[in-house]
Amino acid sequence: MQSETRPTALPQLRRPARRAVLVVHVVASASWLGLTLGLLALGVTAAGGGSAGAVEASVRSMRLFADWLLLPVAFLTLGSGLVLSLGTPWGLARYRWVWTKFWLALATTTATAFALRPAVRAASDAVAAGGPLPDAGDVVMGPVVSLTAYVFMTVISVLKPWGRTRRGRRGQVR
């Protein structure tokens, strides 16, 4: 029988705390995915070249989501996932699927802050000034890439593929 050794510096979360953090993580993750799906629908509407009013309403709504909701939800997802990984036997770097999710969440949060939000702001500013949508691809591709990453992270959360990392194998007692 194999058991796992735990470092004494990071105590495990007790069951009520673990469940509470897990609920926060699942709700925040689902919210992040849903917001991105909403951004994609709005981006497709804006890029579809409909009436000027529809384009403006779409990019204004996108900006509202991007400015007020995306980063708080992204940080809540990243933070709750970090607490879960460090406070449970899964660990942050013991399993490849957890490690992959962490880096993908960090990358998508960074891309949201430094690519998606500025692109949405630029589109919103241009349309509000009476101009055309600067680049329709900007308001569609960001959400497509993000949505793909979130769906992938959801799949590996359910399937838990790839086994332990080298670090995770070292922690096993044989």
N, C-alpha and C. Protein backbone atom coordinates (compact mmCIF):
# COMPACT_ATOMS: atom_id res chain seq x y z
N MET A 1 0.85 -1.18 0.00
CA MET A 1 0.00 0.00 0.00
C MET A 1 0.89 1.23 0.00
N GLN A 2 0.54 2.19 -0.82
CA GLN A 2 1.32 3.41 -0.89
C GLN A 2 0.64 4.50 -0.09
N SER A 3 1.44 5.27 0.60
CA SER A 3 0.90 6.45 1.27
C SER A 3 1.74 7.64 0.86
N GLU A 4 1.24 8.78 1.16
CA GLU A 4 1.91 9.99 0.71
C GLU A 4 2.40 10.76 1.92
N THR A 5 3.61 11.26 1.84
CA THR A 5 4.12 12.09 2.92
C THR A 5 3.76 13.53 2.62
N ARG A 6 3.46 14.29 3.67
CA ARG A 6 3.08 15.69 3.52
C ARG A 6 4.09 16.53 4.28
N PRO A 7 4.49 17.66 3.69
CA PRO A 7 5.34 18.57 4.44
C PRO A 7 4.56 19.14 5.62
N THR A 8 5.22 19.33 6.73
CA THR A 8 4.54 19.83 7.92
C THR A 8 4.26 21.33 7.83
N ALA A 9 4.90 22.03 6.93
CA ALA A 9 4.71 23.48 6.82
C ALA A 9 3.34 23.86 6.25
N LEU A 10 2.73 22.98 5.49
CA LEU A 10 1.43 23.28 4.87
C LEU A 10 0.39 22.30 5.39
N PRO A 11 -0.38 22.72 6.40
CA PRO A 11 -1.39 21.80 6.93
C PRO A 11 -2.53 21.61 5.94
N GLN A 12 -3.12 20.45 6.01
CA GLN A 12 -4.27 20.17 5.14
C GLN A 12 -5.48 20.94 5.63
N LEU A 13 -6.32 21.35 4.67
CA LEU A 13 -7.57 22.00 5.03
C LEU A 13 -8.48 20.96 5.67
N ARG A 14 -9.19 21.38 6.70
CA ARG A 14 -10.18 20.48 7.30
C ARG A 14 -11.37 20.38 6.33
N ARG A 15 -12.14 19.35 6.49
CA ARG A 15 -13.21 19.06 5.54
C ARG A 15 -14.17 20.24 5.29
N PRO A 16 -14.68 20.93 6.30
CA PRO A 16 -15.60 22.05 6.02
C PRO A 16 -14.91 23.17 5.23
N ALA A 17 -13.68 23.48 5.57
CA ALA A 17 -12.95 24.53 4.85
C ALA A 17 -12.65 24.09 3.42
N ARG A 18 -12.25 22.84 3.25
CA ARG A 18 -11.96 22.32 1.91
C ARG A 18 -13.21 22.37 1.04
N ARG A 19 -14.33 21.97 1.59
CA ARG A 19 -15.58 22.01 0.83
C ARG A 19 -15.98 23.43 0.46
N ALA A 20 -15.81 24.36 1.40
CA ALA A 20 -16.16 25.75 1.13
C ALA A 20 -15.28 26.33 0.03
N VAL A 21 -13.98 26.07 0.11
CA VAL A 21 -13.06 26.57 -0.93
C VAL A 21 -13.35 25.90 -2.26
N LEU A 22 -13.69 24.62 -2.24
CA LEU A 22 -14.03 23.91 -3.47
C LEU A 22 -15.27 24.52 -4.13
N VAL A 23 -16.28 24.84 -3.33
CA VAL A 23 -17.49 25.46 -3.88
C VAL A 23 -17.14 26.82 -4.49
N VAL A 24 -16.36 27.62 -3.78
CA VAL A 24 -15.93 28.92 -4.32
C VAL A 24 -15.18 28.73 -5.64
N HIS A 25 -14.29 27.75 -5.67
CA HIS A 25 -13.49 27.50 -6.88
C HIS A 25 -14.35 27.08 -8.07
N VAL A 26 -15.29 26.17 -7.83
CA VAL A 26 -16.15 25.70 -8.92
C VAL A 26 -17.05 26.83 -9.42
N VAL A 27 -17.62 27.59 -8.50
CA VAL A 27 -18.50 28.70 -8.90
C VAL A 27 -17.70 29.77 -9.66
N ALA A 28 -16.52 30.11 -9.15
CA ALA A 28 -15.69 31.11 -9.83
C ALA A 28 -15.24 30.62 -11.20
N SER A 29 -14.85 29.36 -11.29
CA SER A 29 -14.43 28.79 -12.58
C SER A 29 -15.57 28.78 -13.59
N ALA A 30 -16.76 28.37 -13.14
CA ALA A 30 -17.92 28.36 -14.02
C ALA A 30 -18.27 29.79 -14.44
N SER A 31 -18.12 30.73 -13.54
CA SER A 31 -18.39 32.14 -13.86
C SER A 31 -17.41 32.64 -14.91
N TRP A 32 -16.14 32.29 -14.76
CA TRP A 32 -15.11 32.71 -15.71
C TRP A 32 -15.42 32.16 -17.09
N LEU A 33 -15.79 30.89 -17.14
CA LEU A 33 -16.14 30.26 -18.41
C LEU A 33 -17.39 30.92 -19.00
N GLY A 34 -18.39 31.17 -18.17
CA GLY A 34 -19.63 31.80 -18.64
C GLY A 34 -19.42 33.22 -19.13
N LEU A 35 -18.62 33.98 -18.41
CA LEU A 35 -18.30 35.35 -18.85
C LEU A 35 -17.62 35.32 -20.21
N THR A 36 -16.72 34.39 -20.38
CA THR A 36 -16.00 34.29 -21.65
C THR A 36 -16.94 33.87 -22.77
N LEU A 37 -17.86 32.99 -22.49
CA LEU A 37 -18.86 32.60 -23.49
C LEU A 37 -19.72 33.80 -23.86
N GLY A 38 -20.09 34.60 -22.87
CA GLY A 38 -20.84 35.83 -23.13
C GLY A 38 -20.04 36.82 -23.96
N LEU A 39 -18.75 36.95 -23.64
CA LEU A 39 -17.89 37.83 -24.44
C LEU A 39 -17.79 37.34 -25.89
N LEU A 40 -17.73 36.05 -26.06
CA LEU A 40 -17.66 35.50 -27.42
C LEU A 40 -18.95 35.82 -28.19
N ALA A 41 -20.09 35.64 -27.55
CA ALA A 41 -21.37 35.94 -28.21
C ALA A 41 -21.44 37.43 -28.58
N LEU A 42 -21.02 38.29 -27.68
CA LEU A 42 -21.02 39.73 -27.96
C LEU A 42 -20.00 40.08 -29.04
N GLY A 43 -18.84 39.44 -29.00
CA GLY A 43 -17.82 39.69 -30.03
C GLY A 43 -18.27 39.27 -31.41
N VAL A 44 -18.93 38.13 -31.49
CA VAL A 44 -19.46 37.66 -32.78
C VAL A 44 -20.54 38.62 -33.28
N THR A 45 -21.36 39.11 -32.37
CA THR A 45 -22.39 40.09 -32.74
C THR A 45 -21.74 41.36 -33.28
N ALA A 46 -20.72 41.85 -32.57
CA ALA A 46 -20.04 43.08 -33.00
C ALA A 46 -19.32 42.87 -34.33
N ALA A 47 -18.65 41.74 -34.46
CA ALA A 47 -17.88 41.47 -35.68
C ALA A 47 -18.78 41.15 -36.87
N GLY A 48 -20.02 40.79 -36.60
CA GLY A 48 -20.96 40.45 -37.66
C GLY A 48 -21.33 41.63 -38.54
N GLY A 49 -20.96 42.81 -38.11
CA GLY A 49 -21.19 43.99 -38.94
C GLY A 49 -22.64 44.37 -39.09
N GLY A 50 -23.44 44.13 -38.07
CA GLY A 50 -24.85 44.52 -38.12
C GLY A 50 -24.98 46.03 -38.04
N SER A 51 -26.07 46.47 -37.50
CA SER A 51 -26.30 47.92 -37.39
C SER A 51 -25.27 48.54 -36.45
N ALA A 52 -25.06 49.82 -36.62
CA ALA A 52 -24.10 50.54 -35.78
C ALA A 52 -24.52 50.46 -34.32
N GLY A 53 -25.83 50.49 -34.06
CA GLY A 53 -26.32 50.38 -32.69
C GLY A 53 -26.01 49.04 -32.07
N ALA A 54 -26.15 47.96 -32.84
CA ALA A 54 -25.85 46.62 -32.32
C ALA A 54 -24.37 46.46 -32.04
N VAL A 55 -23.53 46.98 -32.94
CA VAL A 55 -22.08 46.91 -32.74
C VAL A 55 -21.70 47.69 -31.49
N GLU A 56 -22.25 48.90 -31.35
CA GLU A 56 -21.91 49.72 -30.19
C GLU A 56 -22.39 49.07 -28.89
N ALA A 57 -23.60 48.56 -28.88
CA ALA A 57 -24.12 47.90 -27.68
C ALA A 57 -23.28 46.68 -27.32
N SER A 58 -22.85 45.93 -28.32
CA SER A 58 -22.04 44.74 -28.07
C SER A 58 -20.69 45.08 -27.45
N VAL A 59 -19.99 46.04 -28.05
CA VAL A 59 -18.66 46.37 -27.51
C VAL A 59 -18.76 47.10 -26.17
N ARG A 60 -19.81 47.86 -25.95
CA ARG A 60 -20.00 48.49 -24.64
C ARG A 60 -20.26 47.44 -23.58
N SER A 61 -21.05 46.43 -23.92
CA SER A 61 -21.31 45.33 -22.98
C SER A 61 -20.03 44.54 -22.72
N MET A 62 -19.26 44.30 -23.76
CA MET A 62 -17.99 43.60 -23.61
C MET A 62 -17.08 44.36 -22.65
N ARG A 63 -17.05 45.66 -22.81
CA ARG A 63 -16.19 46.48 -21.95
C ARG A 63 -16.65 46.40 -20.49
N LEU A 64 -17.93 46.41 -20.29
CA LEU A 64 -18.46 46.28 -18.93
C LEU A 64 -18.00 44.97 -18.29
N PHE A 65 -18.15 43.87 -19.02
CA PHE A 65 -17.68 42.57 -18.52
C PHE A 65 -16.18 42.58 -18.27
N ALA A 66 -15.43 43.10 -19.24
CA ALA A 66 -13.97 43.08 -19.15
C ALA A 66 -13.46 43.97 -18.02
N ASP A 67 -14.07 45.14 -17.85
CA ASP A 67 -13.57 46.07 -16.83
C ASP A 67 -13.98 45.70 -15.41
N TRP A 68 -15.16 45.14 -15.23
CA TRP A 68 -15.66 44.94 -13.88
C TRP A 68 -15.70 43.50 -13.40
N LEU A 69 -15.75 42.54 -14.30
CA LEU A 69 -15.97 41.17 -13.86
C LEU A 69 -14.82 40.20 -14.13
N LEU A 70 -14.19 40.31 -15.28
CA LEU A 70 -13.22 39.28 -15.68
C LEU A 70 -12.06 39.10 -14.70
N LEU A 71 -11.36 40.17 -14.36
CA LEU A 71 -10.19 40.01 -13.49
C LEU A 71 -10.55 39.58 -12.07
N PRO A 72 -11.59 40.14 -11.44
CA PRO A 72 -11.94 39.62 -10.12
C PRO A 72 -12.28 38.12 -10.14
N VAL A 73 -13.02 37.69 -11.14
CA VAL A 73 -13.36 36.27 -11.24
C VAL A 73 -12.12 35.44 -11.55
N ALA A 74 -11.24 35.94 -12.40
CA ALA A 74 -10.00 35.23 -12.71
C ALA A 74 -9.13 35.08 -11.46
N PHE A 75 -8.98 36.15 -10.69
CA PHE A 75 -8.16 36.08 -9.48
C PHE A 75 -8.80 35.18 -8.42
N LEU A 76 -10.12 35.19 -8.33
CA LEU A 76 -10.81 34.31 -7.39
C LEU A 76 -10.61 32.85 -7.78
N THR A 77 -10.69 32.57 -9.06
CA THR A 77 -10.46 31.20 -9.54
C THR A 77 -9.02 30.77 -9.27
N LEU A 78 -8.08 31.62 -9.63
CA LEU A 78 -6.66 31.30 -9.43
C LEU A 78 -6.34 31.14 -7.95
N GLY A 79 -6.84 32.06 -7.12
CA GLY A 79 -6.56 32.00 -5.68
C GLY A 79 -7.18 30.80 -5.00
N SER A 80 -8.43 30.52 -5.31
CA SER A 80 -9.08 29.36 -4.68
C SER A 80 -8.45 28.05 -5.16
N GLY A 81 -8.04 28.00 -6.41
CA GLY A 81 -7.34 26.81 -6.91
C GLY A 81 -6.00 26.62 -6.22
N LEU A 82 -5.32 27.71 -5.97
CA LEU A 82 -4.03 27.64 -5.27
C LEU A 82 -4.23 27.16 -3.83
N VAL A 83 -5.24 27.70 -3.15
CA VAL A 83 -5.53 27.25 -1.77
C VAL A 83 -5.88 25.76 -1.76
N LEU A 84 -6.70 25.32 -2.71
CA LEU A 84 -7.06 23.90 -2.78
C LEU A 84 -5.84 23.03 -3.04
N SER A 85 -5.01 23.45 -3.97
CA SER A 85 -3.85 22.61 -4.29
C SER A 85 -2.87 22.52 -3.12
N LEU A 86 -2.68 23.62 -2.42
CA LEU A 86 -1.72 23.61 -1.31
C LEU A 86 -2.30 23.02 -0.03
N GLY A 87 -3.63 23.01 0.09
CA GLY A 87 -4.25 22.52 1.32
C GLY A 87 -4.86 21.14 1.21
N THR A 88 -4.58 20.44 0.12
CA THR A 88 -5.10 19.08 -0.06
C THR A 88 -3.96 18.17 -0.52
N PRO A 89 -4.19 16.87 -0.50
CA PRO A 89 -3.13 15.95 -0.95
C PRO A 89 -2.76 16.09 -2.43
N TRP A 90 -3.60 16.78 -3.23
CA TRP A 90 -3.26 16.93 -4.64
C TRP A 90 -1.96 17.72 -4.79
N GLY A 91 -1.76 18.73 -3.97
CA GLY A 91 -0.55 19.54 -4.06
C GLY A 91 -0.52 20.36 -5.34
N LEU A 92 0.37 21.32 -5.39
CA LEU A 92 0.47 22.18 -6.58
C LEU A 92 1.31 21.52 -7.67
N ALA A 93 2.38 20.84 -7.29
CA ALA A 93 3.29 20.28 -8.28
C ALA A 93 3.43 18.76 -8.16
N ARG A 94 2.45 18.12 -7.58
CA ARG A 94 2.52 16.66 -7.44
C ARG A 94 1.91 15.92 -8.62
N TYR A 95 0.91 16.55 -9.24
CA TYR A 95 0.21 15.91 -10.37
C TYR A 95 0.27 16.82 -11.57
N ARG A 96 0.51 16.22 -12.72
CA ARG A 96 0.65 17.03 -13.95
C ARG A 96 -0.61 17.82 -14.27
N TRP A 97 -1.78 17.27 -14.04
CA TRP A 97 -3.01 17.98 -14.37
C TRP A 97 -3.19 19.22 -13.50
N VAL A 98 -2.80 19.16 -12.23
CA VAL A 98 -2.92 20.32 -11.35
C VAL A 98 -1.92 21.39 -11.79
N TRP A 99 -0.70 20.96 -12.04
CA TRP A 99 0.37 21.86 -12.47
C TRP A 99 -0.01 22.54 -13.79
N THR A 100 -0.57 21.80 -14.73
CA THR A 100 -1.01 22.34 -16.02
C THR A 100 -2.13 23.36 -15.83
N LYS A 101 -3.10 23.02 -14.99
CA LYS A 101 -4.19 23.97 -14.72
C LYS A 101 -3.67 25.26 -14.10
N PHE A 102 -2.74 25.15 -13.17
CA PHE A 102 -2.20 26.35 -12.54
C PHE A 102 -1.55 27.27 -13.58
N TRP A 103 -0.69 26.71 -14.41
CA TRP A 103 0.02 27.55 -15.40
C TRP A 103 -0.93 28.09 -16.46
N LEU A 104 -1.92 27.31 -16.87
CA LEU A 104 -2.90 27.81 -17.83
C LEU A 104 -3.76 28.92 -17.23
N ALA A 105 -4.15 28.76 -15.98
CA ALA A 105 -4.94 29.81 -15.31
C ALA A 105 -4.11 31.08 -15.16
N LEU A 106 -2.85 30.94 -14.82
CA LEU A 106 -1.97 32.10 -14.71
C LEU A 106 -1.79 32.77 -16.07
N ALA A 107 -1.58 31.98 -17.11
CA ALA A 107 -1.41 32.53 -18.46
C ALA A 107 -2.67 33.22 -18.96
N THR A 108 -3.83 32.61 -18.73
CA THR A 108 -5.07 33.24 -19.21
C THR A 108 -5.42 34.48 -18.41
N THR A 109 -5.09 34.50 -17.13
CA THR A 109 -5.31 35.71 -16.33
C THR A 109 -4.41 36.83 -16.84
N THR A 110 -3.17 36.52 -17.14
CA THR A 110 -2.23 37.51 -17.68
C THR A 110 -2.70 38.00 -19.05
N ALA A 111 -3.12 37.08 -19.90
CA ALA A 111 -3.62 37.46 -21.23
C ALA A 111 -4.88 38.30 -21.13
N THR A 112 -5.73 38.01 -20.16
CA THR A 112 -6.93 38.82 -19.95
C THR A 112 -6.55 40.25 -19.59
N ALA A 113 -5.59 40.38 -18.68
CA ALA A 113 -5.19 41.72 -18.21
C ALA A 113 -4.47 42.52 -19.29
N PHE A 114 -3.60 41.86 -20.06
CA PHE A 114 -2.72 42.60 -20.95
C PHE A 114 -3.04 42.49 -22.44
N ALA A 115 -4.00 41.65 -22.81
CA ALA A 115 -4.36 41.54 -24.22
C ALA A 115 -5.87 41.71 -24.44
N LEU A 116 -6.67 40.91 -23.76
CA LEU A 116 -8.11 40.95 -23.99
C LEU A 116 -8.74 42.27 -23.56
N ARG A 117 -8.46 42.69 -22.34
CA ARG A 117 -9.06 43.95 -21.86
C ARG A 117 -8.63 45.15 -22.70
N PRO A 118 -7.34 45.30 -23.04
CA PRO A 118 -6.97 46.44 -23.90
C PRO A 118 -7.63 46.38 -25.27
N ALA A 119 -7.79 45.19 -25.86
CA ALA A 119 -8.43 45.06 -27.17
C ALA A 119 -9.90 45.47 -27.08
N VAL A 120 -10.57 45.06 -26.02
CA VAL A 120 -11.98 45.42 -25.84
C VAL A 120 -12.11 46.93 -25.62
N ARG A 121 -11.21 47.49 -24.83
CA ARG A 121 -11.24 48.95 -24.59
C ARG A 121 -11.02 49.72 -25.89
N ALA A 122 -10.06 49.28 -26.68
CA ALA A 122 -9.78 49.97 -27.95
C ALA A 122 -10.99 49.89 -28.88
N ALA A 123 -11.62 48.73 -28.95
CA ALA A 123 -12.81 48.58 -29.79
C ALA A 123 -13.93 49.46 -29.28
N SER A 124 -14.13 49.49 -27.99
CA SER A 124 -15.19 50.30 -27.40
C SER A 124 -14.95 51.79 -27.63
N ASP A 125 -13.72 52.22 -27.43
CA ASP A 125 -13.39 53.64 -27.65
C ASP A 125 -13.58 54.05 -29.10
N ALA A 126 -13.15 53.18 -30.02
CA ALA A 126 -13.27 53.50 -31.45
C ALA A 126 -14.74 53.60 -31.87
N VAL A 127 -15.55 52.66 -31.44
CA VAL A 127 -16.96 52.66 -31.82
C VAL A 127 -17.69 53.82 -31.14
N ALA A 128 -17.35 54.13 -29.88
CA ALA A 128 -17.98 55.25 -29.18
C ALA A 128 -17.66 56.58 -29.84
N ALA A 129 -16.49 56.66 -30.47
CA ALA A 129 -16.09 57.89 -31.16
C ALA A 129 -16.74 57.99 -32.54
N GLY A 130 -17.56 57.03 -32.90
CA GLY A 130 -18.25 57.07 -34.18
C GLY A 130 -17.55 56.35 -35.31
N GLY A 131 -16.44 55.72 -35.00
CA GLY A 131 -15.69 55.00 -36.02
C GLY A 131 -16.15 53.55 -36.13
N PRO A 132 -15.57 52.84 -37.09
CA PRO A 132 -15.90 51.42 -37.23
C PRO A 132 -15.13 50.59 -36.19
N LEU A 133 -15.52 49.35 -36.08
CA LEU A 133 -14.81 48.41 -35.23
C LEU A 133 -13.39 48.26 -35.79
N PRO A 134 -12.33 48.56 -35.01
CA PRO A 134 -10.97 48.57 -35.55
C PRO A 134 -10.54 47.23 -36.16
N ASP A 135 -10.70 46.15 -35.41
CA ASP A 135 -10.33 44.83 -35.92
C ASP A 135 -11.30 43.83 -35.33
N ALA A 136 -12.18 43.33 -36.15
CA ALA A 136 -13.21 42.41 -35.68
C ALA A 136 -12.60 41.16 -35.05
N GLY A 137 -11.43 40.75 -35.53
CA GLY A 137 -10.78 39.57 -34.99
C GLY A 137 -10.38 39.72 -33.53
N ASP A 138 -10.05 40.93 -33.11
CA ASP A 138 -9.65 41.16 -31.73
C ASP A 138 -10.76 40.85 -30.74
N VAL A 139 -11.99 41.18 -31.09
CA VAL A 139 -13.10 40.97 -30.15
C VAL A 139 -13.64 39.54 -30.20
N VAL A 140 -13.16 38.75 -31.15
CA VAL A 140 -13.60 37.36 -31.26
C VAL A 140 -12.50 36.39 -30.82
N MET A 141 -11.27 36.62 -31.26
CA MET A 141 -10.20 35.64 -31.00
C MET A 141 -9.81 35.54 -29.53
N GLY A 142 -9.80 36.65 -28.81
CA GLY A 142 -9.48 36.59 -27.39
C GLY A 142 -10.43 35.66 -26.64
N PRO A 143 -11.73 35.87 -26.77
CA PRO A 143 -12.66 34.95 -26.11
C PRO A 143 -12.57 33.50 -26.62
N VAL A 144 -12.27 33.30 -27.91
CA VAL A 144 -12.14 31.94 -28.43
C VAL A 144 -10.97 31.23 -27.75
N VAL A 145 -9.83 31.91 -27.67
CA VAL A 145 -8.65 31.31 -27.04
C VAL A 145 -8.92 31.04 -25.56
N SER A 146 -9.51 32.01 -24.88
CA SER A 146 -9.81 31.84 -23.45
C SER A 146 -10.78 30.70 -23.22
N LEU A 147 -11.84 30.66 -24.00
CA LEU A 147 -12.84 29.61 -23.85
C LEU A 147 -12.23 28.23 -24.08
N THR A 148 -11.36 28.12 -25.07
CA THR A 148 -10.68 26.85 -25.33
C THR A 148 -9.85 26.43 -24.12
N ALA A 149 -9.12 27.36 -23.54
CA ALA A 149 -8.30 27.05 -22.37
C ALA A 149 -9.17 26.63 -21.18
N TYR A 150 -10.29 27.32 -20.94
CA TYR A 150 -11.14 26.99 -19.80
C TYR A 150 -11.82 25.64 -19.97
N VAL A 151 -12.25 25.34 -21.18
CA VAL A 151 -12.86 24.03 -21.42
C VAL A 151 -11.81 22.93 -21.21
N PHE A 152 -10.59 23.15 -21.70
CA PHE A 152 -9.51 22.19 -21.50
C PHE A 152 -9.24 21.98 -20.01
N MET A 153 -9.17 23.09 -19.24
CA MET A 153 -8.94 22.96 -17.80
C MET A 153 -10.07 22.21 -17.11
N THR A 154 -11.29 22.41 -17.57
CA THR A 154 -12.43 21.69 -17.01
C THR A 154 -12.31 20.19 -17.30
N VAL A 155 -11.94 19.86 -18.51
CA VAL A 155 -11.80 18.45 -18.90
C VAL A 155 -10.72 17.77 -18.06
N ILE A 156 -9.57 18.41 -17.90
CA ILE A 156 -8.51 17.74 -17.12
C ILE A 156 -8.84 17.71 -15.63
N SER A 157 -9.70 18.62 -15.17
CA SER A 157 -10.14 18.55 -13.77
C SER A 157 -11.01 17.32 -13.53
N VAL A 158 -11.78 16.96 -14.53
CA VAL A 158 -12.65 15.80 -14.41
C VAL A 158 -11.87 14.50 -14.64
N LEU A 159 -11.04 14.47 -15.68
CA LEU A 159 -10.35 13.23 -16.06
C LEU A 159 -9.07 12.97 -15.27
N LYS A 160 -8.42 14.02 -14.78
CA LYS A 160 -7.17 13.92 -14.01
C LYS A 160 -6.14 13.03 -14.71
N PRO A 161 -5.74 13.41 -15.93
CA PRO A 161 -4.81 12.57 -16.69
C PRO A 161 -3.35 12.75 -16.27
N TRP A 162 -2.50 11.94 -16.84
CA TRP A 162 -1.03 12.09 -16.86
C TRP A 162 -0.29 11.65 -15.62
N GLY A 163 -0.92 11.39 -14.53
CA GLY A 163 -0.21 10.90 -13.36
C GLY A 163 0.59 11.95 -12.61
N ARG A 164 1.52 11.46 -11.83
CA ARG A 164 2.33 12.33 -10.96
C ARG A 164 3.49 12.97 -11.71
N THR A 165 3.92 14.09 -11.17
CA THR A 165 5.14 14.74 -11.66
C THR A 165 6.33 14.04 -11.02
N ARG A 166 7.52 14.40 -11.42
CA ARG A 166 8.73 13.84 -10.80
C ARG A 166 8.73 14.17 -9.30
N ARG A 167 8.34 15.39 -8.98
CA ARG A 167 8.27 15.81 -7.57
C ARG A 167 7.24 14.97 -6.81
N GLY A 168 6.11 14.70 -7.44
CA GLY A 168 5.07 13.89 -6.81
C GLY A 168 5.49 12.46 -6.58
N ARG A 169 6.28 11.91 -7.50
CA ARG A 169 6.78 10.55 -7.33
C ARG A 169 7.80 10.46 -6.20
N ARG A 170 8.57 11.53 -5.99
CA ARG A 170 9.55 11.55 -4.90
C ARG A 170 8.87 11.52 -3.54
N GLY A 171 7.66 12.08 -3.44
CA GLY A 171 6.95 12.14 -2.16
C GLY A 171 6.26 10.85 -1.78
N GLN A 172 6.25 9.88 -2.67
CA GLN A 172 5.59 8.61 -2.39
C GLN A 172 6.45 7.72 -1.53
N VAL A 173 5.83 7.03 -0.60
CA VAL A 173 6.52 6.02 0.17
C VAL A 173 6.21 4.69 -0.51
N ARG A 174 7.23 3.94 -0.80
CA ARG A 174 7.03 2.66 -1.51
C ARG A 174 7.11 1.50 -0.58
